[in-house]
């Protein structure tokens, strides 16, 4: 019972994965909408958090939940809780080598 209470006090945030270039680390951008203090207009605020991803399960564009934990490094004090929604997979077909390697047809070398 005390274990459940301890987990419920931990801070959680939901955001989008914007980078997975580091080993076992993801960068999550959390967006929130707040009223401007002087103008009372709704403004979007964004902040990036470094989170620990032990299995490397998160991919670029995924919507994830991150949970606060003990400091793991100078910048990392969050860990990946769960992947809420997977990003759409985009398959890119490589161009043929001939079309990339051949020079442009309309140009001629005049020197």
PDB file of N, CA and C in Angstrom:
ATOM      1  N   UNK A   1       0.814  -1.188   0.000  1.00  0.00           N
ATOM      2  CA  UNK A   1       0.000   0.000   0.000  1.00  0.00           C
ATOM      3  C   UNK A   1       0.859   1.254   0.000  1.00  0.00           C
ATOM      4  N   UNK A   2       1.937   1.246   0.784  1.00  0.00           N
ATOM      5  CA  UNK A   2       2.802   2.423   0.806  1.00  0.00           C
ATOM      6  C   UNK A   2       3.509   2.608  -0.533  1.00  0.00           C
ATOM      7  N   UNK A   3       3.721   1.493  -1.255  1.00  0.00           N
ATOM      8  CA  UNK A   3       4.367   1.588  -2.560  1.00  0.00           C
ATOM      9  C   UNK A   3       3.480   2.318  -3.562  1.00  0.00           C
ATOM     10  N   UNK A   4       2.172   2.091  -3.511  1.00  0.00           N
ATOM     11  CA  UNK A   4       1.254   2.780  -4.413  1.00  0.00           C
ATOM     12  C   UNK A   4       1.198   4.264  -4.108  1.00  0.00           C
ATOM     13  N   UNK A   5       1.215   4.625  -2.836  1.00  0.00           N
ATOM     14  CA  UNK A   5       1.191   6.036  -2.468  1.00  0.00           C
ATOM     15  C   UNK A   5       2.451   6.736  -2.948  1.00  0.00           C
ATOM     16  N   UNK A   6       3.579   6.051  -2.855  1.00  0.00           N
ATOM     17  CA  UNK A   6       4.835   6.652  -3.268  1.00  0.00           C
ATOM     18  C   UNK A   6       4.830   6.913  -4.775  1.00  0.00           C
ATOM     19  N   UNK A   7       4.304   5.980  -5.564  1.00  0.00           N
ATOM     20  CA  UNK A   7       4.247   6.163  -7.007  1.00  0.00           C
ATOM     21  C   UNK A   7       3.281   7.274  -7.393  1.00  0.00           C
ATOM     22  N   UNK A   8       2.184   7.419  -6.643  1.00  0.00           N
ATOM     23  CA  UNK A   8       1.188   8.422  -7.004  1.00  0.00           C
ATOM     24  C   UNK A   8       1.700   9.840  -6.766  1.00  0.00           C
ATOM     25  N   UNK A   9       2.683  10.002  -5.883  1.00  0.00           N
ATOM     26  CA  UNK A   9       3.221  11.332  -5.623  1.00  0.00           C
ATOM     27  C   UNK A   9       4.232  11.764  -6.682  1.00  0.00           C
ATOM     28  N   UNK A  10       4.713  10.832  -7.482  1.00  0.00           N
ATOM     29  CA  UNK A  10       5.706  11.188  -8.491  1.00  0.00           C
ATOM     30  C   UNK A  10       5.059  11.985  -9.612  1.00  0.00           C
ATOM     31  N   UNK A  11       5.798  12.954 -10.080  1.00  0.00           N
ATOM     32  CA  UNK A  11       5.308  13.831 -11.135  1.00  0.00           C
ATOM     33  C   UNK A  11       5.312  13.082 -12.469  1.00  0.00           C
ATOM     34  N   UNK A  12       4.281  13.253 -13.263  1.00  0.00           N
ATOM     35  CA  UNK A  12       4.187  12.636 -14.586  1.00  0.00           C
ATOM     36  C   UNK A  12       3.892  13.707 -15.614  1.00  0.00           C
ATOM     37  N   UNK A  13       4.425  13.523 -16.809  1.00  0.00           N
ATOM     38  CA  UNK A  13       4.164  14.448 -17.901  1.00  0.00           C
ATOM     39  C   UNK A  13       3.927  13.640 -19.170  1.00  0.00           C
ATOM     40  N   UNK A  14       3.135  14.197 -20.074  1.00  0.00           N
ATOM     41  CA  UNK A  14       2.859  13.563 -21.364  1.00  0.00           C
ATOM     42  C   UNK A  14       3.394  14.481 -22.445  1.00  0.00           C
ATOM     43  N   UNK A  15       4.155  13.907 -23.377  1.00  0.00           N
ATOM     44  CA  UNK A  15       4.734  14.714 -24.441  1.00  0.00           C
ATOM     45  C   UNK A  15       5.071  13.880 -25.652  1.00  0.00           C
ATOM     46  N   UNK A  16       5.730  14.526 -26.598  1.00  0.00           N
ATOM     47  CA  UNK A  16       6.069  13.905 -27.876  1.00  0.00           C
ATOM     48  C   UNK A  16       7.583  13.728 -27.962  1.00  0.00           C
ATOM     49  N   UNK A  17       8.033  12.573 -28.449  1.00  0.00           N
ATOM     50  CA  UNK A  17       9.461  12.297 -28.594  1.00  0.00           C
ATOM     51  C   UNK A  17       9.987  13.086 -29.788  1.00  0.00           C
ATOM     52  N   UNK A  18      11.000  13.934 -29.549  1.00  0.00           N
ATOM     53  CA  UNK A  18      11.566  14.749 -30.622  1.00  0.00           C
ATOM     54  C   UNK A  18      12.976  14.304 -30.999  1.00  0.00           C
ATOM     55  N   UNK A  19      13.613  13.453 -30.179  1.00  0.00           N
ATOM     56  CA  UNK A  19      14.942  12.961 -30.518  1.00  0.00           C
ATOM     57  C   UNK A  19      15.188  11.616 -29.843  1.00  0.00           C
ATOM     58  N   UNK A  20      15.821  10.705 -30.598  1.00  0.00           N
ATOM     59  CA  UNK A  20      16.222   9.403 -30.055  1.00  0.00           C
ATOM     60  C   UNK A  20      17.669   9.113 -30.432  1.00  0.00           C
ATOM     61  N   UNK A  21      18.472  10.132 -30.636  1.00  0.00           N
ATOM     62  CA  UNK A  21      19.827   9.962 -31.155  1.00  0.00           C
ATOM     63  C   UNK A  21      20.824   9.489 -30.099  1.00  0.00           C
ATOM     64  N   UNK A  22      20.485   9.620 -28.819  1.00  0.00           N
ATOM     65  CA  UNK A  22      21.393   9.200 -27.758  1.00  0.00           C
ATOM     66  C   UNK A  22      21.057   7.781 -27.314  1.00  0.00           C
ATOM     67  N   UNK A  23      22.047   7.075 -26.792  1.00  0.00           N
ATOM     68  CA  UNK A  23      21.841   5.715 -26.326  1.00  0.00           C
ATOM     69  C   UNK A  23      21.047   5.731 -25.025  1.00  0.00           C
ATOM     70  N   UNK A  24      19.948   4.986 -24.995  1.00  0.00           N
ATOM     71  CA  UNK A  24      19.076   4.847 -23.821  1.00  0.00           C
ATOM     72  C   UNK A  24      18.517   6.177 -23.319  1.00  0.00           C
ATOM     73  N   UNK A  25      18.473   7.180 -24.171  1.00  0.00           N
ATOM     74  CA  UNK A  25      17.941   8.487 -23.789  1.00  0.00           C
ATOM     75  C   UNK A  25      17.034   8.999 -24.895  1.00  0.00           C
ATOM     76  N   UNK A  26      15.908   9.575 -24.498  1.00  0.00           N
ATOM     77  CA  UNK A  26      15.012  10.233 -25.443  1.00  0.00           C
ATOM     78  C   UNK A  26      14.798  11.664 -24.983  1.00  0.00           C
ATOM     79  N   UNK A  27      14.477  12.527 -25.931  1.00  0.00           N
ATOM     80  CA  UNK A  27      14.134  13.907 -25.609  1.00  0.00           C
ATOM     81  C   UNK A  27      12.638  14.048 -25.870  1.00  0.00           C
ATOM     82  N   UNK A  28      11.918  14.467 -24.839  1.00  0.00           N
ATOM     83  CA  UNK A  28      10.464  14.583 -24.909  1.00  0.00           C
ATOM     84  C   UNK A  28      10.089  16.049 -24.788  1.00  0.00           C
ATOM     85  N   UNK A  29       9.287  16.539 -25.745  1.00  0.00           N
ATOM     86  CA  UNK A  29       8.807  17.914 -25.695  1.00  0.00           C
ATOM     87  C   UNK A  29       7.395  17.917 -25.119  1.00  0.00           C
ATOM     88  N   UNK A  30       7.241  18.643 -24.004  1.00  0.00           N
ATOM     89  CA  UNK A  30       5.949  18.747 -23.329  1.00  0.00           C
ATOM     90  C   UNK A  30       5.368  20.114 -23.648  1.00  0.00           C
ATOM     91  N   UNK A  31       4.144  20.125 -24.151  1.00  0.00           N
ATOM     92  CA  UNK A  31       3.466  21.361 -24.537  1.00  0.00           C
ATOM     93  C   UNK A  31       2.340  21.637 -23.554  1.00  0.00           C
ATOM     94  N   UNK A  32       2.243  22.888 -23.114  1.00  0.00           N
ATOM     95  CA  UNK A  32       1.133  23.281 -22.248  1.00  0.00           C
ATOM     96  C   UNK A  32       0.632  24.646 -22.682  1.00  0.00           C
ATOM     97  N   UNK A  33      -0.646  24.879 -22.472  1.00  0.00           N
ATOM     98  CA  UNK A  33      -1.267  26.145 -22.870  1.00  0.00           C
ATOM     99  C   UNK A  33      -1.652  26.908 -21.614  1.00  0.00           C
ATOM    100  N   UNK A  34      -1.130  28.135 -21.492  1.00  0.00           N
ATOM    101  CA  UNK A  34      -1.369  28.956 -20.302  1.00  0.00           C
ATOM    102  C   UNK A  34      -1.797  30.349 -20.734  1.00  0.00           C
ATOM    103  N   UNK A  35      -2.581  31.040 -19.917  1.00  0.00           N
ATOM    104  CA  UNK A  35      -2.929  32.425 -20.253  1.00  0.00           C
ATOM    105  C   UNK A  35      -1.750  33.357 -19.977  1.00  0.00           C
ATOM    106  N   UNK A  36      -1.536  34.310 -20.873  1.00  0.00           N
ATOM    107  CA  UNK A  36      -0.481  35.300 -20.681  1.00  0.00           C
ATOM    108  C   UNK A  36      -0.856  36.162 -19.476  1.00  0.00           C
ATOM    109  N   UNK A  37       0.105  36.462 -18.575  1.00  0.00           N
ATOM    110  CA  UNK A  37      -0.253  37.182 -17.357  1.00  0.00           C
ATOM    111  C   UNK A  37      -0.813  38.585 -17.603  1.00  0.00           C
ATOM    112  N   UNK A  38      -0.312  39.298 -18.594  1.00  0.00           N
ATOM    113  CA  UNK A  38      -0.770  40.667 -18.829  1.00  0.00           C
ATOM    114  C   UNK A  38      -1.914  40.729 -19.835  1.00  0.00           C
ATOM    115  N   UNK A  39      -1.819  39.934 -20.909  1.00  0.00           N
ATOM    116  CA  UNK A  39      -2.769  40.068 -22.011  1.00  0.00           C
ATOM    117  C   UNK A  39      -3.908  39.055 -21.964  1.00  0.00           C
ATOM    118  N   UNK A  40      -3.835  38.074 -21.072  1.00  0.00           N
ATOM    119  CA  UNK A  40      -4.883  37.065 -20.887  1.00  0.00           C
ATOM    120  C   UNK A  40      -5.176  36.243 -22.140  1.00  0.00           C
ATOM    121  N   UNK A  41      -4.239  36.215 -23.063  1.00  0.00           N
ATOM    122  CA  UNK A  41      -4.386  35.410 -24.274  1.00  0.00           C
ATOM    123  C   UNK A  41      -3.728  34.055 -24.022  1.00  0.00           C
ATOM    124  N   UNK A  42      -4.283  33.001 -24.585  1.00  0.00           N
ATOM    125  CA  UNK A  42      -3.729  31.664 -24.401  1.00  0.00           C
ATOM    126  C   UNK A  42      -2.443  31.548 -25.219  1.00  0.00           C
ATOM    127  N   UNK A  43      -1.354  31.163 -24.540  1.00  0.00           N
ATOM    128  CA  UNK A  43      -0.041  31.047 -25.164  1.00  0.00           C
ATOM    129  C   UNK A  43       0.441  29.612 -24.983  1.00  0.00           C
ATOM    130  N   UNK A  44       1.096  29.055 -26.009  1.00  0.00           N
ATOM    131  CA  UNK A  44       1.639  27.706 -25.937  1.00  0.00           C
ATOM    132  C   UNK A  44       3.066  27.765 -25.415  1.00  0.00           C
ATOM    133  N   UNK A  45       3.335  27.036 -24.352  1.00  0.00           N
ATOM    134  CA  UNK A  45       4.675  26.940 -23.773  1.00  0.00           C
ATOM    135  C   UNK A  45       5.194  25.532 -24.016  1.00  0.00           C
ATOM    136  N   UNK A  46       6.462  25.431 -24.424  1.00  0.00           N
ATOM    137  CA  UNK A  46       7.077  24.129 -24.688  1.00  0.00           C
ATOM    138  C   UNK A  46       8.336  23.990 -23.843  1.00  0.00           C
ATOM    139  N   UNK A  47       8.575  22.779 -23.382  1.00  0.00           N
ATOM    140  CA  UNK A  47       9.797  22.498 -22.641  1.00  0.00           C
ATOM    141  C   UNK A  47      10.255  21.092 -22.989  1.00  0.00           C
ATOM    142  N   UNK A  48      11.571  20.909 -23.099  1.00  0.00           N
ATOM    143  CA  UNK A  48      12.129  19.606 -23.442  1.00  0.00           C
ATOM    144  C   UNK A  48      12.705  18.951 -22.192  1.00  0.00           C
ATOM    145  N   UNK A  49      12.438  17.653 -22.059  1.00  0.00           N
ATOM    146  CA  UNK A  49      12.937  16.870 -20.943  1.00  0.00           C
ATOM    147  C   UNK A  49      13.727  15.689 -21.488  1.00  0.00           C
ATOM    148  N   UNK A  50      14.864  15.387 -20.849  1.00  0.00           N
ATOM    149  CA  UNK A  50      15.638  14.200 -21.175  1.00  0.00           C
ATOM    150  C   UNK A  50      15.113  13.066 -20.303  1.00  0.00           C
ATOM    151  N   UNK A  51      14.790  11.937 -20.930  1.00  0.00           N
ATOM    152  CA  UNK A  51      14.229  10.804 -20.193  1.00  0.00           C
ATOM    153  C   UNK A  51      15.000   9.532 -20.522  1.00  0.00           C
ATOM    154  N   UNK A  52      15.090   8.639 -19.538  1.00  0.00           N
ATOM    155  CA  UNK A  52      15.804   7.377 -19.687  1.00  0.00           C
ATOM    156  C   UNK A  52      14.877   6.345 -20.326  1.00  0.00           C
ATOM    157  N   UNK A  53      15.353   5.716 -21.402  1.00  0.00           N
ATOM    158  CA  UNK A  53      14.596   4.685 -22.122  1.00  0.00           C
ATOM    159  C   UNK A  53      15.470   3.435 -22.177  1.00  0.00           C
ATOM    160  N   UNK A  54      15.327   2.570 -21.179  1.00  0.00           N
ATOM    161  CA  UNK A  54      16.216   1.416 -21.023  1.00  0.00           C
ATOM    162  C   UNK A  54      16.159   0.471 -22.222  1.00  0.00           C
ATOM    163  N   UNK A  55      14.967   0.135 -22.700  1.00  0.00           N
ATOM    164  CA  UNK A  55      14.829  -0.835 -23.794  1.00  0.00           C
ATOM    165  C   UNK A  55      14.942  -0.202 -25.172  1.00  0.00           C
ATOM    166  N   UNK A  56      14.886   1.110 -25.257  1.00  0.00           N
ATOM    167  CA  UNK A  56      14.904   1.773 -26.558  1.00  0.00           C
ATOM    168  C   UNK A  56      13.595   1.581 -27.302  1.00  0.00           C
ATOM    169  N   UNK A  57      12.487   1.513 -26.575  1.00  0.00           N
ATOM    170  CA  UNK A  57      11.194   1.218 -27.190  1.00  0.00           C
ATOM    171  C   UNK A  57      10.535   2.436 -27.830  1.00  0.00           C
ATOM    172  N   UNK A  58      10.876   3.638 -27.403  1.00  0.00           N
ATOM    173  CA  UNK A  58      10.248   4.847 -27.955  1.00  0.00           C
ATOM    174  C   UNK A  58      10.892   5.212 -29.285  1.00  0.00           C
ATOM    175  N   UNK A  59      10.054   5.669 -30.214  1.00  0.00           N
ATOM    176  CA  UNK A  59      10.537   6.098 -31.529  1.00  0.00           C
ATOM    177  C   UNK A  59      10.199   7.561 -31.728  1.00  0.00           C
ATOM    178  N   UNK A  60      10.805   8.157 -32.716  1.00  0.00           N
ATOM    179  CA  UNK A  60      10.590   9.559 -33.039  1.00  0.00           C
ATOM    180  C   UNK A  60       9.119   9.799 -33.369  1.00  0.00           C
ATOM    181  N   UNK A  61       8.507  10.794 -32.732  1.00  0.00           N
ATOM    182  CA  UNK A  61       7.120  11.130 -32.988  1.00  0.00           C
ATOM    183  C   UNK A  61       6.112  10.452 -32.080  1.00  0.00           C
ATOM    184  N   UNK A  62       6.543   9.487 -31.260  1.00  0.00           N
ATOM    185  CA  UNK A  62       5.630   8.803 -30.343  1.00  0.00           C
ATOM    186  C   UNK A  62       5.138   9.754 -29.259  1.00  0.00           C
ATOM    187  N   UNK A  63       3.929   9.535 -28.794  1.00  0.00           N
ATOM    188  CA  UNK A  63       3.416  10.240 -27.622  1.00  0.00           C
ATOM    189  C   UNK A  63       3.663   9.341 -26.422  1.00  0.00           C
ATOM    190  N   UNK A  64       4.383   9.871 -25.417  1.00  0.00           N
ATOM    191  CA  UNK A  64       4.813   9.055 -24.284  1.00  0.00           C
ATOM    192  C   UNK A  64       4.471   9.731 -22.960  1.00  0.00           C
ATOM    193  N   UNK A  65       4.447   8.915 -21.905  1.00  0.00           N
ATOM    194  CA  UNK A  65       4.307   9.423 -20.540  1.00  0.00           C
ATOM    195  C   UNK A  65       5.659   9.233 -19.859  1.00  0.00           C
ATOM    196  N   UNK A  66       6.197  10.302 -19.258  1.00  0.00           N
ATOM    197  CA  UNK A  66       7.453  10.208 -18.526  1.00  0.00           C
ATOM    198  C   UNK A  66       7.169  10.425 -17.044  1.00  0.00           C
ATOM    199  N   UNK A  67       7.946   9.732 -16.203  1.00  0.00           N
ATOM    200  CA  UNK A  67       7.754   9.755 -14.756  1.00  0.00           C
ATOM    201  C   UNK A  67       9.037  10.256 -14.111  1.00  0.00           C
ATOM    202  N   UNK A  68       8.898  11.093 -13.110  1.00  0.00           N
ATOM    203  CA  UNK A  68      10.049  11.637 -12.404  1.00  0.00           C
ATOM    204  C   UNK A  68      10.758  10.526 -11.629  1.00  0.00           C
ATOM    205  N   UNK A  69      12.092  10.590 -11.587  1.00  0.00           N
ATOM    206  CA  UNK A  69      12.873   9.603 -10.844  1.00  0.00           C
ATOM    207  C   UNK A  69      14.106  10.292 -10.262  1.00  0.00           C
ATOM    208  N   UNK A  70      14.976   9.521  -9.649  1.00  0.00           N
ATOM    209  CA  UNK A  70      16.197  10.097  -9.089  1.00  0.00           C
ATOM    210  C   UNK A  70      17.079  10.602 -10.227  1.00  0.00           C
ATOM    211  N   UNK A  71      17.983  11.541  -9.970  1.00  0.00           N
ATOM    212  CA  UNK A  71      18.855  12.029 -11.038  1.00  0.00           C
ATOM    213  C   UNK A  71      19.743  10.910 -11.587  1.00  0.00           C
ATOM    214  N   UNK A  72      19.691  10.717 -12.897  1.00  0.00           N
ATOM    215  CA  UNK A  72      20.489   9.690 -13.561  1.00  0.00           C
ATOM    216  C   UNK A  72      21.741  10.279 -14.186  1.00  0.00           C
ATOM    217  N   UNK A  73      21.719  11.560 -14.489  1.00  0.00           N
ATOM    218  CA  UNK A  73      22.882  12.278 -15.008  1.00  0.00           C
ATOM    219  C   UNK A  73      22.631  13.763 -14.762  1.00  0.00           C
ATOM    220  N   UNK A  74      23.458  14.600 -15.355  1.00  0.00           N
ATOM    221  CA  UNK A  74      23.316  16.036 -15.135  1.00  0.00           C
ATOM    222  C   UNK A  74      21.975  16.555 -15.642  1.00  0.00           C
ATOM    223  N   UNK A  75      21.479  16.008 -16.743  1.00  0.00           N
ATOM    224  CA  UNK A  75      20.239  16.488 -17.342  1.00  0.00           C
ATOM    225  C   UNK A  75      19.060  15.529 -17.183  1.00  0.00           C
ATOM    226  N   UNK A  76      19.327  14.256 -16.899  1.00  0.00           N
ATOM    227  CA  UNK A  76      18.260  13.246 -16.884  1.00  0.00           C
ATOM    228  C   UNK A  76      17.763  12.967 -15.476  1.00  0.00           C
ATOM    229  N   UNK A  77      16.511  13.309 -15.219  1.00  0.00           N
ATOM    230  CA  UNK A  77      15.872  12.903 -13.957  1.00  0.00           C
ATOM    231  C   UNK A  77      14.434  12.452 -14.230  1.00  0.00           C
ATOM    232  N   UNK A  78      14.209  11.915 -15.434  1.00  0.00           N
ATOM    233  CA  UNK A  78      12.915  11.370 -15.840  1.00  0.00           C
ATOM    234  C   UNK A  78      13.169  10.015 -16.473  1.00  0.00           C
ATOM    235  N   UNK A  79      12.169   9.135 -16.409  1.00  0.00           N
ATOM    236  CA  UNK A  79      12.262   7.847 -17.090  1.00  0.00           C
ATOM    237  C   UNK A  79      10.981   7.629 -17.887  1.00  0.00           C
ATOM    238  N   UNK A  80      11.086   6.817 -18.911  1.00  0.00           N
ATOM    239  CA  UNK A  80       9.929   6.522 -19.755  1.00  0.00           C
ATOM    240  C   UNK A  80       8.946   5.659 -18.977  1.00  0.00           C
ATOM    241  N   UNK A  81       7.719   6.146 -18.832  1.00  0.00           N
ATOM    242  CA  UNK A  81       6.681   5.371 -18.151  1.00  0.00           C
ATOM    243  C   UNK A  81       6.024   4.404 -19.113  1.00  0.00           C
ATOM    244  N   UNK A  82       5.454   4.945 -20.198  1.00  0.00           N
ATOM    245  CA  UNK A  82       4.808   4.103 -21.202  1.00  0.00           C
ATOM    246  C   UNK A  82       4.667   4.879 -22.502  1.00  0.00           C
ATOM    247  N   UNK A  83       4.547   4.132 -23.583  1.00  0.00           N
ATOM    248  CA  UNK A  83       4.274   4.721 -24.889  1.00  0.00           C
ATOM    249  C   UNK A  83       2.762   4.740 -25.053  1.00  0.00           C
ATOM    250  N   UNK A  84       2.190   5.932 -25.160  1.00  0.00           N
ATOM    251  CA  UNK A  84       0.738   6.063 -25.261  1.00  0.00           C
ATOM    252  C   UNK A  84       0.242   5.859 -26.682  1.00  0.00           C
ATOM    253  N   UNK A  85       0.960   6.434 -27.654  1.00  0.00           N
ATOM    254  CA  UNK A  85       0.540   6.326 -29.054  1.00  0.00           C
ATOM    255  C   UNK A  85       1.785   6.274 -29.929  1.00  0.00           C
ATOM    256  N   UNK A  86       1.809   5.300 -30.820  1.00  0.00           N
ATOM    257  CA  UNK A  86       2.926   5.158 -31.751  1.00  0.00           C
ATOM    258  C   UNK A  86       2.776   6.139 -32.907  1.00  0.00           C
ATOM    259  N   UNK A  87       3.902   6.649 -33.396  1.00  0.00           N
ATOM    260  CA  UNK A  87       3.892   7.522 -34.564  1.00  0.00           C
ATOM    261  C   UNK A  87       3.705   6.670 -35.812  1.00  0.00           C
ATOM    262  N   UNK A  88       3.167   7.268 -36.843  1.00  0.00           N
ATOM    263  CA  UNK A  88       2.966   6.559 -38.104  1.00  0.00           C
ATOM    264  C   UNK A  88       4.319   6.259 -38.733  1.00  0.00           C
ATOM    265  N   UNK A  89       4.479   5.033 -39.222  1.00  0.00           N
ATOM    266  CA  UNK A  89       5.711   4.647 -39.889  1.00  0.00           C
ATOM    267  C   UNK A  89       5.676   5.139 -41.326  1.00  0.00           C
ATOM    268  N   UNK A  90       6.719   5.827 -41.731  1.00  0.00           N
ATOM    269  CA  UNK A  90       6.817   6.307 -43.101  1.00  0.00           C
ATOM    270  C   UNK A  90       7.924   5.518 -43.776  1.00  0.00           C
ATOM    271  N   UNK A  91       7.579   4.810 -44.846  1.00  0.00           N
ATOM    272  CA  UNK A  91       8.593   4.046 -45.565  1.00  0.00           C
ATOM    273  C   UNK A  91       9.069   4.867 -46.757  1.00  0.00           C
ATOM    274  N   UNK A  92      10.374   5.052 -46.834  1.00  0.00           N
ATOM    275  CA  UNK A  92      10.976   5.830 -47.909  1.00  0.00           C
ATOM    276  C   UNK A  92      11.705   4.866 -48.823  1.00  0.00           C
ATOM    277  N   UNK A  93      11.351   4.898 -50.097  1.00  0.00           N
ATOM    278  CA  UNK A  93      12.004   4.025 -51.062  1.00  0.00           C
ATOM    279  C   UNK A  93      13.275   4.704 -51.560  1.00  0.00           C
ATOM    280  N   UNK A  94      14.408   4.016 -51.500  1.00  0.00           N
ATOM    281  CA  UNK A  94      15.649   4.634 -51.975  1.00  0.00           C
ATOM    282  C   UNK A  94      15.611   4.835 -53.484  1.00  0.00           C
ATOM    283  N   UNK A  95      16.126   5.959 -53.903  1.00  0.00           N
ATOM    284  CA  UNK A  95      16.172   6.243 -55.339  1.00  0.00           C
ATOM    285  C   UNK A  95      17.225   5.357 -55.988  1.00  0.00           C
ATOM    286  N   UNK A  96      17.051   5.136 -57.260  1.00  0.00           N
ATOM    287  CA  UNK A  96      18.032   4.305 -57.948  1.00  0.00           C
ATOM    288  C   UNK A  96      19.365   5.046 -58.029  1.00  0.00           C
ATOM    289  N   UNK A  97      20.422   4.303 -57.941  1.00  0.00           N
ATOM    290  CA  UNK A  97      21.758   4.896 -57.913  1.00  0.00           C
ATOM    291  C   UNK A  97      22.049   5.622 -59.219  1.00  0.00           C
ATOM    292  N   UNK A  98      21.542   5.128 -60.336  1.00  0.00           N
ATOM    293  CA  UNK A  98      21.816   5.756 -61.630  1.00  0.00           C
ATOM    294  C   UNK A  98      21.259   7.174 -61.687  1.00  0.00           C
ATOM    295  N   UNK A  99      20.055   7.379 -61.180  1.00  0.00           N
ATOM    296  CA  UNK A  99      19.455   8.706 -61.272  1.00  0.00           C
ATOM    297  C   UNK A  99      20.165   9.704 -60.367  1.00  0.00           C
ATOM    298  N   UNK A 100      20.723   9.252 -59.277  1.00  0.00           N
ATOM    299  CA  UNK A 100      21.439  10.150 -58.372  1.00  0.00           C
ATOM    300  C   UNK A 100      22.844  10.416 -58.890  1.00  0.00           C
ATOM    301  N   UNK A 101      23.495   9.388 -59.440  1.00  0.00           N
ATOM    302  CA  UNK A 101      24.879   9.512 -59.864  1.00  0.00           C
ATOM    303  C   UNK A 101      25.034  10.225 -61.202  1.00  0.00           C
ATOM    304  N   UNK A 102      24.021  10.208 -62.065  1.00  0.00           N
ATOM    305  CA  UNK A 102      24.161  10.828 -63.382  1.00  0.00           C
ATOM    306  C   UNK A 102      24.065  12.346 -63.269  1.00  0.00           C
ATOM    307  N   UNK A 103      24.850  13.086 -64.080  1.00  0.00           N
ATOM    308  CA  UNK A 103      24.779  14.548 -64.042  1.00  0.00           C
ATOM    309  C   UNK A 103      23.462  15.037 -64.641  1.00  0.00           C
ATOM    310  N   UNK A 104      23.128  16.271 -64.374  1.00  0.00           N
ATOM    311  CA  UNK A 104      21.886  16.851 -64.896  1.00  0.00           C
ATOM    312  C   UNK A 104      21.941  16.872 -66.414  1.00  0.00           C
ATOM    313  N   UNK A 105      20.818  16.572 -67.086  1.00  0.00           N
ATOM    314  CA  UNK A 105      20.808  16.439 -68.538  1.00  0.00           C
ATOM    315  C   UNK A 105      20.884  17.787 -69.236  1.00  0.00           C
ATOM    316  N   UNK A 106      20.330  18.812 -68.683  1.00  0.00           N
ATOM    317  CA  UNK A 106      20.281  20.107 -69.345  1.00  0.00           C
ATOM    318  C   UNK A 106      21.568  20.907 -69.244  1.00  0.00           C
ATOM    319  N   UNK A 107      22.483  20.512 -68.393  1.00  0.00           N
ATOM    320  CA  UNK A 107      23.700  21.293 -68.194  1.00  0.00           C
ATOM    321  C   UNK A 107      24.836  20.714 -69.018  1.00  0.00           C
ATOM    322  N   UNK A 108      25.683  21.587 -69.506  1.00  0.00           N
ATOM    323  CA  UNK A 108      26.890  21.147 -70.192  1.00  0.00           C
ATOM    324  C   UNK A 108      28.065  21.927 -69.624  1.00  0.00           C
ATOM    325  N   UNK A 109      29.214  21.319 -69.637  1.00  0.00           N
ATOM    326  CA  UNK A 109      30.399  21.931 -69.056  1.00  0.00           C
ATOM    327  C   UNK A 109      31.045  22.844 -70.098  1.00  0.00           C
ATOM    328  N   UNK A 110      30.913  24.162 -69.962  1.00  0.00           N
ATOM    329  CA  UNK A 110      31.502  25.113 -70.908  1.00  0.00           C
ATOM    330  C   UNK A 110      32.547  25.931 -70.176  1.00  0.00           C
ATOM    331  N   UNK A 111      33.788  25.616 -70.462  1.00  0.00           N
ATOM    332  CA  UNK A 111      34.888  26.372 -69.837  1.00  0.00           C
ATOM    333  C   UNK A 111      35.851  26.843 -70.854  1.00  0.00           C
TER     334      UNK A 111
END
